[in-house]
Protein backbone atom coordinates (compact mmCIF):
# COMPACT_ATOMS: atom_id res chain seq x y z
CA MET A 1 -18.57 7.42 -3.06
CA SER A 2 -14.96 8.41 -3.67
CA ASP A 3 -13.36 8.91 -7.05
CA PRO A 4 -11.48 5.72 -8.02
CA SER A 5 -8.71 7.65 -9.78
CA SER A 6 -8.05 9.83 -6.73
CA GLU A 7 -7.96 6.68 -4.56
CA LEU A 8 -5.41 5.20 -6.93
CA ASP A 9 -3.39 8.43 -6.95
CA ARG A 10 -3.24 8.38 -3.14
CA VAL A 11 -2.08 4.74 -3.09
CA PHE A 12 0.62 5.42 -5.71
CA HIS A 13 1.71 8.53 -3.79
CA ALA A 14 1.87 6.59 -0.53
CA LEU A 15 3.84 3.71 -2.02
CA GLY A 16 6.14 6.05 -3.93
CA ASP A 17 8.07 6.83 -0.75
CA PRO A 18 10.74 4.33 0.39
CA THR A 19 10.09 5.00 4.08
CA ARG A 20 6.39 4.26 3.69
CA ARG A 21 7.21 1.07 1.76
CA ALA A 22 9.55 0.09 4.59
CA ILE A 23 6.73 0.70 7.09
CA MET A 24 4.41 -1.50 5.05
CA GLU A 25 7.09 -4.19 4.84
CA ARG A 26 7.62 -4.15 8.61
CA LEU A 27 3.88 -4.49 9.19
CA THR A 28 3.61 -7.62 7.04
CA ASP A 29 4.74 -9.65 10.06
CA GLY A 30 1.93 -8.25 12.20
CA PRO A 31 0.90 -5.17 14.17
CA LEU A 32 3.56 -2.99 15.78
CA SER A 33 3.61 0.03 18.04
CA VAL A 34 4.77 3.27 16.42
CA SER A 35 7.92 3.27 18.55
CA ARG A 36 8.81 -0.31 17.50
CA LEU A 37 8.02 0.59 13.90
CA ALA A 38 10.35 3.61 14.02
CA GLU A 39 13.36 1.79 15.54
CA PRO A 40 15.13 0.65 12.34
CA LEU A 41 13.86 3.44 10.08
CA ASN A 42 16.34 6.15 11.07
CA VAL A 43 13.60 8.81 11.29
CA THR A 44 11.88 10.58 14.17
CA LEU A 45 8.63 9.41 15.72
CA THR A 46 7.02 12.56 14.33
CA ALA A 47 8.13 11.63 10.81
CA VAL A 48 6.83 8.08 11.26
CA MET A 49 3.48 9.46 12.40
CA GLN A 50 3.33 11.68 9.30
CA HIS A 51 4.08 8.69 7.06
CA LEU A 52 1.47 6.63 8.90
CA GLN A 53 -1.11 9.36 8.41
CA ILE A 54 -0.58 9.22 4.64
CA LEU A 55 -0.78 5.42 4.66
CA GLN A 56 -3.92 5.53 6.77
CA GLU A 57 -5.63 8.18 4.61
CA CYS A 58 -5.38 5.94 1.55
CA GLY A 59 -6.50 2.85 3.46
CA LEU A 60 -3.23 0.91 3.53
CA VAL A 61 -2.70 1.02 7.30
CA TYR A 62 -4.96 1.19 10.34
CA THR A 63 -3.77 2.76 13.58
CA GLU A 64 -5.41 2.82 16.97
CA LYS A 65 -4.45 4.16 20.34
CA THR A 66 -4.83 2.03 23.46
CA GLY A 67 -3.77 3.91 26.54
CA ARG A 68 -0.44 5.52 25.72
CA VAL A 69 0.47 3.13 22.91
CA ARG A 70 -0.48 3.67 19.27
CA SER A 71 -0.37 0.44 17.31
CA CYS A 72 -0.47 -0.04 13.55
CA ARG A 73 -1.48 -2.86 11.26
CA LEU A 74 -1.89 -3.39 7.55
CA GLU A 75 -5.37 -2.90 6.18
CA PRO A 76 -6.12 -5.91 3.94
CA GLY A 77 -8.26 -4.10 1.37
CA GLY A 78 -5.97 -1.11 1.02
CA LEU A 79 -4.23 -2.38 -2.08
CA ALA A 80 -7.50 -3.15 -3.89
CA PRO A 81 -7.46 0.02 -6.08
CA LEU A 82 -3.91 -0.77 -7.18
CA GLU A 83 -4.73 -4.43 -7.81
CA LYS A 84 -7.76 -3.45 -9.91
CA TRP A 85 -5.74 -0.93 -11.92
CA ILE A 86 -3.05 -3.53 -12.68
CA ARG A 87 -5.64 -6.23 -13.50
CA ASP A 88 -7.48 -3.86 -15.88
CA ARG A 89 -4.26 -3.18 -17.76
CA ARG A 90 -2.98 -6.74 -17.76
CA SER A 91 -6.10 -8.31 -19.24
CA PRO A 92 -5.98 -6.59 -22.66
CA TRP A 93 -2.28 -7.43 -23.02
CA GLU A 94 -2.86 -11.05 -22.11
CA LYS A 95 -5.59 -11.25 -24.75
CA ARG A 96 -3.28 -9.71 -27.35
CA LEU A 97 -0.51 -12.14 -26.49
CA ASP A 98 -2.96 -15.06 -26.65
CA ARG A 99 -4.03 -13.93 -30.15
CA LEU A 100 -0.40 -13.57 -31.18
CA GLY A 101 0.28 -17.10 -29.90
CA GLU A 102 -2.64 -18.41 -31.94
CA LEU A 103 -1.33 -16.66 -35.07
CA LEU A 104 2.17 -18.02 -34.61
CA GLY A 105 0.85 -21.51 -33.92
CA PRO A 106 2.69 -24.42 -32.28
């Protein structure tokens, strides 16, 4: 079993880069080949592959090679560590705000 904090660190690291966020954004419309993915990014195919490797290592993207074409798609569960982290921090604040609302009344 992997360490949840290191999983979260990898997701934050991956999403901290604007090129990787742009890759994720492009993949929201569906799978793309690496060459199609690289077209508007203004970076080399090698750089795109390096970004994809980081995204794949933290579970945000899945790539597979069929013949000579490598295609990429978003991995649905990849954002789960980030979603959990946000949810765990939001809940206590929501409770505090609810209590404050009760104290202030209507």
